[in-house]
Amino acid sequence: MSEHVNTADLYDERGEELESISVQLQNLGGHSHFSGPVRTVRCFEDNALVKTILNTPGEGAVLVVDGHASLRTALMGDMIAESAVANGWAGVIINGAIRDRVALGRLPLGVKALGSNPRKSAKTGIGEVDVDLVIDRVRIQPGVMIYSDPDGILVER
């Protein structure tokens, strides 16, 4: 679902039905505008669950990863992002770091993250999938719609 939804216009239309994440995540993917139903992963410096989920059919969904804002290791690189594209994901939003920044910028995928770090993460699979997340005091529930563009991120309440 990469139609160009403008978050400012959407907020003007829907207002309090939406919450805005004020954390200034960087646009790092080839698609600057993306939206879709949410899937979630909570993990810390371990990207095994991110890889597993993005290897399943995305059907236009957006994976929101709460990496506890750690920039010490990357939670997604080009190979995992390529599998997300191949599996039909609209985008990935990471409260943490990515790597392979230049390659991600060439992929037809929405990617937002705090920044980048070339260091790989652990691969033990510790974490949780499809749980409610709270990022910047905004509750993000699996299945709700999320909208992202260069202005920011809106989440349905």
N, C-alpha and C. Protein backbone atom coordinates (compact mmCIF):
# COMPACT_ATOMS: atom_id res chain seq x y z
N MET A 1 0.83 -1.19 0.00
CA MET A 1 0.00 0.00 0.00
C MET A 1 0.87 1.25 0.00
N SER A 2 1.57 1.48 -1.06
CA SER A 2 2.47 2.62 -1.07
C SER A 2 1.85 3.83 -1.76
N GLU A 3 0.53 3.96 -1.73
CA GLU A 3 -0.06 5.19 -2.25
C GLU A 3 0.45 6.33 -1.37
N HIS A 4 0.58 7.50 -1.96
CA HIS A 4 1.17 8.61 -1.23
C HIS A 4 0.16 9.23 -0.28
N VAL A 5 0.10 8.70 0.94
CA VAL A 5 -0.73 9.28 1.98
C VAL A 5 0.09 10.37 2.63
N ASN A 6 -0.43 11.60 2.61
CA ASN A 6 0.26 12.71 3.23
C ASN A 6 -0.19 12.79 4.69
N THR A 7 0.76 12.61 5.62
CA THR A 7 0.37 12.55 7.03
C THR A 7 -0.23 13.85 7.55
N ALA A 8 0.24 14.99 7.06
CA ALA A 8 -0.31 16.27 7.51
C ALA A 8 -1.78 16.39 7.12
N ASP A 9 -2.09 16.03 5.86
CA ASP A 9 -3.49 16.08 5.41
C ASP A 9 -4.34 15.06 6.17
N LEU A 10 -3.77 13.87 6.38
CA LEU A 10 -4.50 12.83 7.09
C LEU A 10 -4.81 13.27 8.52
N TYR A 11 -3.84 13.92 9.18
CA TYR A 11 -4.08 14.40 10.54
C TYR A 11 -5.15 15.49 10.54
N ASP A 12 -5.10 16.38 9.53
CA ASP A 12 -6.13 17.43 9.44
C ASP A 12 -7.51 16.83 9.28
N GLU A 13 -7.63 15.73 8.54
CA GLU A 13 -8.92 15.07 8.32
C GLU A 13 -9.40 14.30 9.54
N ARG A 14 -8.49 13.57 10.20
CA ARG A 14 -8.90 12.60 11.22
C ARG A 14 -8.53 12.98 12.65
N GLY A 15 -7.60 13.93 12.80
CA GLY A 15 -7.27 14.47 14.12
C GLY A 15 -7.05 13.45 15.21
N GLU A 16 -7.90 13.51 16.22
CA GLU A 16 -7.70 12.72 17.43
C GLU A 16 -7.89 11.22 17.25
N GLU A 17 -8.28 10.77 16.05
CA GLU A 17 -8.33 9.32 15.78
C GLU A 17 -6.92 8.77 15.61
N LEU A 18 -5.95 9.69 15.47
CA LEU A 18 -4.57 9.30 15.18
C LEU A 18 -3.63 9.82 16.24
N GLU A 19 -2.56 9.06 16.49
CA GLU A 19 -1.50 9.53 17.38
C GLU A 19 -0.26 9.73 16.54
N SER A 20 0.55 10.71 16.91
CA SER A 20 1.77 11.02 16.18
C SER A 20 2.99 10.63 17.02
N ILE A 21 3.92 9.92 16.39
CA ILE A 21 5.18 9.57 17.06
C ILE A 21 6.14 10.72 16.80
N SER A 22 6.62 11.35 17.86
CA SER A 22 7.46 12.53 17.68
C SER A 22 8.95 12.21 17.58
N VAL A 23 9.34 10.97 17.83
CA VAL A 23 10.74 10.58 17.66
C VAL A 23 11.12 10.84 16.20
N GLN A 24 12.25 11.49 15.99
CA GLN A 24 12.65 11.89 14.64
C GLN A 24 13.41 10.77 13.95
N LEU A 25 12.66 9.77 13.48
CA LEU A 25 13.26 8.66 12.75
C LEU A 25 13.65 9.11 11.35
N GLN A 26 14.73 8.56 10.84
CA GLN A 26 15.22 8.92 9.51
C GLN A 26 14.53 8.08 8.44
N ASN A 27 14.23 8.70 7.29
CA ASN A 27 13.73 7.97 6.12
C ASN A 27 14.94 7.33 5.44
N LEU A 28 14.97 5.99 5.38
CA LEU A 28 16.16 5.31 4.87
C LEU A 28 15.86 4.36 3.71
N GLY A 29 14.58 4.14 3.39
CA GLY A 29 14.23 3.23 2.30
C GLY A 29 13.94 3.98 1.02
N GLY A 30 13.74 3.23 -0.05
CA GLY A 30 13.44 3.80 -1.35
C GLY A 30 12.07 4.43 -1.44
N HIS A 31 11.13 4.02 -0.59
CA HIS A 31 9.79 4.62 -0.56
C HIS A 31 9.71 5.57 0.62
N SER A 32 9.46 6.85 0.34
CA SER A 32 9.36 7.83 1.42
C SER A 32 7.97 7.84 2.06
N HIS A 33 6.95 7.38 1.32
CA HIS A 33 5.57 7.33 1.80
C HIS A 33 5.14 5.87 1.83
N PHE A 34 4.68 5.40 2.99
CA PHE A 34 4.18 4.03 3.07
C PHE A 34 3.18 3.91 4.21
N SER A 35 2.31 2.93 4.10
CA SER A 35 1.30 2.71 5.12
C SER A 35 0.83 1.27 5.03
N GLY A 36 0.17 0.81 6.09
CA GLY A 36 -0.38 -0.53 6.10
C GLY A 36 -0.74 -0.95 7.50
N PRO A 37 -1.34 -2.15 7.63
CA PRO A 37 -1.63 -2.68 8.95
C PRO A 37 -0.33 -3.07 9.66
N VAL A 38 -0.32 -2.91 10.97
CA VAL A 38 0.88 -3.13 11.78
C VAL A 38 1.06 -4.60 12.16
N ARG A 39 2.32 -5.04 12.07
CA ARG A 39 2.81 -6.24 12.77
C ARG A 39 3.91 -5.72 13.68
N THR A 40 4.18 -6.39 14.79
CA THR A 40 5.18 -5.87 15.72
C THR A 40 6.20 -6.92 16.15
N VAL A 41 7.39 -6.43 16.49
CA VAL A 41 8.45 -7.22 17.13
C VAL A 41 9.06 -6.35 18.22
N ARG A 42 9.28 -6.94 19.38
CA ARG A 42 10.05 -6.28 20.44
C ARG A 42 11.31 -7.12 20.64
N CYS A 43 12.47 -6.49 20.51
CA CYS A 43 13.73 -7.22 20.67
C CYS A 43 14.81 -6.24 21.11
N PHE A 44 15.95 -6.79 21.54
CA PHE A 44 17.05 -5.93 21.97
C PHE A 44 18.36 -6.47 21.41
N GLU A 45 18.90 -5.74 20.43
CA GLU A 45 20.19 -6.08 19.83
C GLU A 45 20.22 -7.52 19.31
N ASP A 46 19.08 -8.00 18.83
CA ASP A 46 18.93 -9.36 18.30
C ASP A 46 17.88 -9.31 17.19
N ASN A 47 18.28 -9.61 15.96
CA ASN A 47 17.34 -9.44 14.85
C ASN A 47 16.76 -10.74 14.29
N ALA A 48 16.91 -11.86 15.00
CA ALA A 48 16.40 -13.14 14.47
C ALA A 48 14.89 -13.09 14.22
N LEU A 49 14.13 -12.49 15.12
CA LEU A 49 12.67 -12.42 14.92
C LEU A 49 12.31 -11.49 13.77
N VAL A 50 13.06 -10.40 13.60
CA VAL A 50 12.83 -9.48 12.48
C VAL A 50 13.00 -10.24 11.17
N LYS A 51 14.09 -10.99 11.07
CA LYS A 51 14.37 -11.77 9.86
C LYS A 51 13.27 -12.80 9.61
N THR A 52 12.86 -13.50 10.65
CA THR A 52 11.82 -14.53 10.52
C THR A 52 10.51 -13.93 10.02
N ILE A 53 10.06 -12.84 10.64
CA ILE A 53 8.78 -12.22 10.26
C ILE A 53 8.83 -11.69 8.83
N LEU A 54 9.93 -11.03 8.45
CA LEU A 54 10.02 -10.44 7.11
C LEU A 54 10.20 -11.50 6.02
N ASN A 55 10.44 -12.74 6.42
CA ASN A 55 10.49 -13.87 5.48
C ASN A 55 9.12 -14.50 5.28
N THR A 56 8.08 -13.93 5.88
CA THR A 56 6.72 -14.44 5.71
C THR A 56 5.94 -13.44 4.85
N PRO A 57 4.80 -13.86 4.26
CA PRO A 57 4.03 -12.94 3.43
C PRO A 57 3.62 -11.68 4.20
N GLY A 58 3.99 -10.52 3.66
CA GLY A 58 3.68 -9.25 4.33
C GLY A 58 2.32 -8.71 3.98
N GLU A 59 1.85 -9.00 2.77
CA GLU A 59 0.52 -8.56 2.33
C GLU A 59 0.30 -7.07 2.57
N GLY A 60 1.34 -6.27 2.32
CA GLY A 60 1.20 -4.82 2.45
C GLY A 60 1.29 -4.28 3.86
N ALA A 61 1.72 -5.11 4.81
CA ALA A 61 1.82 -4.68 6.21
C ALA A 61 3.11 -3.91 6.45
N VAL A 62 3.15 -3.23 7.60
CA VAL A 62 4.33 -2.51 8.07
C VAL A 62 4.79 -3.17 9.37
N LEU A 63 6.05 -3.60 9.40
CA LEU A 63 6.60 -4.18 10.62
C LEU A 63 7.18 -3.05 11.48
N VAL A 64 6.68 -2.94 12.71
CA VAL A 64 7.20 -1.97 13.66
C VAL A 64 8.04 -2.74 14.68
N VAL A 65 9.32 -2.36 14.77
CA VAL A 65 10.27 -3.06 15.63
C VAL A 65 10.69 -2.12 16.75
N ASP A 66 10.41 -2.53 17.99
CA ASP A 66 10.91 -1.76 19.12
C ASP A 66 12.22 -2.38 19.56
N GLY A 67 13.31 -1.77 19.12
CA GLY A 67 14.65 -2.21 19.49
C GLY A 67 15.19 -1.46 20.70
N HIS A 68 14.28 -0.89 21.50
CA HIS A 68 14.63 -0.16 22.73
C HIS A 68 15.60 0.99 22.45
N ALA A 69 15.51 1.55 21.24
CA ALA A 69 16.30 2.72 20.83
C ALA A 69 17.81 2.47 20.86
N SER A 70 18.22 1.22 20.83
CA SER A 70 19.66 0.92 20.82
C SER A 70 20.24 1.17 19.43
N LEU A 71 21.35 1.86 19.41
CA LEU A 71 22.10 2.09 18.16
C LEU A 71 23.38 1.26 18.13
N ARG A 72 23.53 0.34 19.09
CA ARG A 72 24.77 -0.44 19.19
C ARG A 72 24.89 -1.53 18.14
N THR A 73 23.74 -2.06 17.68
CA THR A 73 23.77 -3.09 16.63
C THR A 73 22.62 -2.83 15.66
N ALA A 74 22.82 -3.27 14.41
CA ALA A 74 21.78 -3.10 13.39
C ALA A 74 20.76 -4.22 13.49
N LEU A 75 19.47 -3.85 13.40
CA LEU A 75 18.39 -4.85 13.44
C LEU A 75 17.93 -5.27 12.05
N MET A 76 18.37 -4.56 11.00
CA MET A 76 18.04 -4.96 9.63
C MET A 76 19.12 -4.43 8.70
N GLY A 77 19.50 -5.29 7.74
CA GLY A 77 20.42 -4.90 6.68
C GLY A 77 19.80 -5.17 5.33
N ASP A 78 20.62 -5.11 4.29
CA ASP A 78 20.09 -5.23 2.93
C ASP A 78 19.47 -6.58 2.63
N MET A 79 20.05 -7.68 3.15
CA MET A 79 19.50 -9.00 2.82
C MET A 79 18.11 -9.21 3.43
N ILE A 80 17.94 -8.80 4.67
CA ILE A 80 16.62 -8.92 5.31
C ILE A 80 15.63 -7.99 4.62
N ALA A 81 16.06 -6.78 4.27
CA ALA A 81 15.18 -5.83 3.58
C ALA A 81 14.77 -6.36 2.21
N GLU A 82 15.70 -7.00 1.50
CA GLU A 82 15.35 -7.60 0.20
C GLU A 82 14.30 -8.69 0.36
N SER A 83 14.37 -9.47 1.44
CA SER A 83 13.35 -10.49 1.67
C SER A 83 12.00 -9.84 1.99
N ALA A 84 12.01 -8.68 2.67
CA ALA A 84 10.77 -7.95 2.95
C ALA A 84 10.12 -7.52 1.64
N VAL A 85 10.91 -7.01 0.71
CA VAL A 85 10.39 -6.60 -0.60
C VAL A 85 9.81 -7.81 -1.32
N ALA A 86 10.56 -8.90 -1.36
CA ALA A 86 10.13 -10.12 -2.06
C ALA A 86 8.84 -10.69 -1.48
N ASN A 87 8.61 -10.46 -0.17
CA ASN A 87 7.44 -11.01 0.50
C ASN A 87 6.28 -10.02 0.61
N GLY A 88 6.39 -8.85 -0.03
CA GLY A 88 5.25 -7.94 -0.11
C GLY A 88 5.00 -7.05 1.09
N TRP A 89 6.03 -6.75 1.86
CA TRP A 89 5.88 -5.81 2.98
C TRP A 89 5.90 -4.39 2.45
N ALA A 90 5.10 -3.50 3.03
CA ALA A 90 5.09 -2.09 2.63
C ALA A 90 6.25 -1.33 3.26
N GLY A 91 6.62 -1.71 4.49
CA GLY A 91 7.68 -0.98 5.16
C GLY A 91 8.06 -1.58 6.49
N VAL A 92 9.15 -1.00 7.04
CA VAL A 92 9.67 -1.41 8.34
C VAL A 92 10.04 -0.13 9.09
N ILE A 93 9.55 -0.02 10.33
CA ILE A 93 9.87 1.11 11.19
C ILE A 93 10.61 0.55 12.40
N ILE A 94 11.85 1.02 12.61
CA ILE A 94 12.69 0.45 13.65
C ILE A 94 13.10 1.51 14.66
N ASN A 95 12.71 1.29 15.91
CA ASN A 95 13.18 2.12 17.01
C ASN A 95 14.54 1.55 17.41
N GLY A 96 15.52 1.80 16.52
CA GLY A 96 16.85 1.24 16.65
C GLY A 96 17.60 1.51 15.35
N ALA A 97 18.62 0.70 15.06
CA ALA A 97 19.50 0.95 13.92
C ALA A 97 19.33 -0.07 12.80
N ILE A 98 19.71 0.38 11.60
CA ILE A 98 19.81 -0.49 10.42
C ILE A 98 21.28 -0.47 9.98
N ARG A 99 21.60 -1.25 8.95
CA ARG A 99 22.90 -1.14 8.29
C ARG A 99 22.67 -1.25 6.79
N ASP A 100 23.71 -1.09 6.00
CA ASP A 100 23.58 -1.11 4.53
C ASP A 100 22.67 0.03 4.07
N ARG A 101 22.87 1.19 4.63
CA ARG A 101 22.04 2.37 4.39
C ARG A 101 21.88 2.68 2.89
N VAL A 102 22.95 2.65 2.12
CA VAL A 102 22.88 2.99 0.70
C VAL A 102 22.03 1.97 -0.05
N ALA A 103 22.24 0.69 0.22
CA ALA A 103 21.46 -0.37 -0.43
C ALA A 103 19.98 -0.26 -0.08
N LEU A 104 19.66 0.03 1.19
CA LEU A 104 18.26 0.16 1.60
C LEU A 104 17.59 1.32 0.86
N GLY A 105 18.34 2.37 0.61
CA GLY A 105 17.79 3.53 -0.09
C GLY A 105 17.40 3.24 -1.53
N ARG A 106 17.90 2.14 -2.08
CA ARG A 106 17.58 1.76 -3.46
C ARG A 106 16.41 0.77 -3.54
N LEU A 107 15.98 0.25 -2.41
CA LEU A 107 14.92 -0.77 -2.42
C LEU A 107 13.52 -0.14 -2.42
N PRO A 108 12.56 -0.77 -3.12
CA PRO A 108 11.18 -0.28 -3.11
C PRO A 108 10.47 -0.68 -1.81
N LEU A 109 10.93 -0.09 -0.71
CA LEU A 109 10.45 -0.42 0.62
C LEU A 109 10.52 0.84 1.47
N GLY A 110 9.52 1.06 2.30
CA GLY A 110 9.60 2.14 3.28
C GLY A 110 10.43 1.67 4.45
N VAL A 111 11.41 2.46 4.85
CA VAL A 111 12.24 2.13 6.01
C VAL A 111 12.46 3.40 6.82
N LYS A 112 12.14 3.32 8.10
CA LYS A 112 12.46 4.40 9.03
C LYS A 112 13.20 3.78 10.20
N ALA A 113 14.26 4.44 10.66
CA ALA A 113 15.02 3.98 11.82
C ALA A 113 15.70 5.18 12.46
N LEU A 114 16.24 4.96 13.66
CA LEU A 114 16.94 6.04 14.36
C LEU A 114 18.26 6.39 13.67
N GLY A 115 18.90 5.41 13.05
CA GLY A 115 20.19 5.63 12.42
C GLY A 115 20.76 4.32 11.94
N SER A 116 22.09 4.29 11.77
CA SER A 116 22.72 3.09 11.26
C SER A 116 23.98 2.75 12.04
N ASN A 117 24.36 1.48 11.96
CA ASN A 117 25.58 0.97 12.59
C ASN A 117 25.96 -0.29 11.81
N PRO A 118 27.21 -0.42 11.36
CA PRO A 118 27.58 -1.61 10.59
C PRO A 118 27.64 -2.89 11.42
N ARG A 119 27.62 -2.78 12.73
CA ARG A 119 27.76 -3.95 13.60
C ARG A 119 26.52 -4.84 13.54
N LYS A 120 26.74 -6.14 13.35
CA LYS A 120 25.64 -7.12 13.34
C LYS A 120 25.07 -7.31 14.74
N SER A 121 23.81 -7.74 14.77
CA SER A 121 23.18 -8.04 16.06
C SER A 121 23.30 -9.52 16.36
N ALA A 122 22.88 -9.89 17.57
CA ALA A 122 22.81 -11.30 17.95
C ALA A 122 21.71 -11.98 17.14
N LYS A 123 21.70 -13.31 17.14
CA LYS A 123 20.73 -14.08 16.36
C LYS A 123 20.09 -15.18 17.21
N THR A 124 19.83 -14.88 18.48
CA THR A 124 19.30 -15.92 19.37
C THR A 124 17.79 -16.06 19.30
N GLY A 125 17.10 -15.03 18.79
CA GLY A 125 15.64 -15.10 18.69
C GLY A 125 14.92 -14.66 19.93
N ILE A 126 15.63 -14.02 20.85
CA ILE A 126 14.98 -13.52 22.07
C ILE A 126 14.16 -12.29 21.71
N GLY A 127 12.91 -12.29 22.15
CA GLY A 127 12.02 -11.15 21.89
C GLY A 127 10.59 -11.62 21.81
N GLU A 128 9.71 -10.72 21.36
CA GLU A 128 8.28 -11.03 21.28
C GLU A 128 7.73 -10.53 19.96
N VAL A 129 6.73 -11.27 19.43
CA VAL A 129 6.11 -10.94 18.15
C VAL A 129 4.63 -10.65 18.36
N ASP A 130 4.11 -9.67 17.61
CA ASP A 130 2.69 -9.31 17.63
C ASP A 130 2.18 -8.98 19.04
N VAL A 131 2.99 -8.18 19.74
CA VAL A 131 2.62 -7.67 21.06
C VAL A 131 2.39 -6.16 20.92
N ASP A 132 1.65 -5.57 21.85
CA ASP A 132 1.50 -4.11 21.87
C ASP A 132 2.85 -3.49 22.19
N LEU A 133 3.18 -2.43 21.47
CA LEU A 133 4.41 -1.68 21.73
C LEU A 133 4.03 -0.28 22.20
N VAL A 134 4.93 0.35 22.93
CA VAL A 134 4.78 1.77 23.26
C VAL A 134 6.08 2.44 22.86
N ILE A 135 6.00 3.34 21.88
CA ILE A 135 7.14 4.12 21.45
C ILE A 135 6.74 5.59 21.56
N ASP A 136 7.52 6.35 22.30
CA ASP A 136 7.23 7.77 22.50
C ASP A 136 5.82 7.97 23.08
N ARG A 137 5.45 7.13 24.01
CA ARG A 137 4.15 7.16 24.69
C ARG A 137 2.97 6.87 23.75
N VAL A 138 3.26 6.40 22.53
CA VAL A 138 2.20 6.03 21.59
C VAL A 138 2.07 4.51 21.59
N ARG A 139 0.84 4.05 21.84
CA ARG A 139 0.57 2.61 21.85
C ARG A 139 0.37 2.14 20.42
N ILE A 140 1.11 1.11 20.04
CA ILE A 140 1.05 0.55 18.69
C ILE A 140 0.60 -0.90 18.81
N GLN A 141 -0.61 -1.16 18.33
CA GLN A 141 -1.21 -2.49 18.45
C GLN A 141 -1.17 -3.20 17.11
N PRO A 142 -0.88 -4.50 17.12
CA PRO A 142 -0.93 -5.26 15.87
C PRO A 142 -2.31 -5.10 15.21
N GLY A 143 -2.29 -4.88 13.89
CA GLY A 143 -3.54 -4.79 13.13
C GLY A 143 -4.03 -3.39 12.86
N VAL A 144 -3.60 -2.39 13.67
CA VAL A 144 -4.04 -1.02 13.41
C VAL A 144 -3.28 -0.48 12.21
N MET A 145 -3.81 0.56 11.59
CA MET A 145 -3.13 1.17 10.45
C MET A 145 -2.06 2.15 10.93
N ILE A 146 -0.95 2.17 10.19
CA ILE A 146 0.13 3.12 10.45
C ILE A 146 0.46 3.81 9.14
N TYR A 147 0.78 5.08 9.22
CA TYR A 147 1.05 5.90 8.03
C TYR A 147 2.37 6.61 8.25
N SER A 148 3.24 6.59 7.24
CA SER A 148 4.55 7.21 7.37
C SER A 148 4.90 7.98 6.11
N ASP A 149 5.48 9.16 6.30
CA ASP A 149 6.01 9.95 5.19
C ASP A 149 7.14 10.81 5.75
N PRO A 150 7.76 11.67 4.95
CA PRO A 150 8.88 12.45 5.48
C PRO A 150 8.51 13.35 6.67
N ASP A 151 7.23 13.69 6.85
CA ASP A 151 6.81 14.51 8.00
C ASP A 151 6.77 13.73 9.30
N GLY A 152 6.51 12.42 9.23
CA GLY A 152 6.43 11.66 10.46
C GLY A 152 5.60 10.40 10.33
N ILE A 153 5.15 9.92 11.50
CA ILE A 153 4.43 8.66 11.59
C ILE A 153 3.15 8.89 12.37
N LEU A 154 2.02 8.42 11.79
CA LEU A 154 0.73 8.45 12.48
C LEU A 154 0.24 7.03 12.70
N VAL A 155 -0.34 6.79 13.88
CA VAL A 155 -0.83 5.47 14.25
C VAL A 155 -2.30 5.62 14.66
N GLU A 156 -3.15 4.71 14.17
CA GLU A 156 -4.55 4.72 14.61
C GLU A 156 -4.61 4.38 16.09
N ARG A 157 -5.49 5.08 16.81
CA ARG A 157 -5.69 4.78 18.23
C ARG A 157 -6.42 3.47 18.39
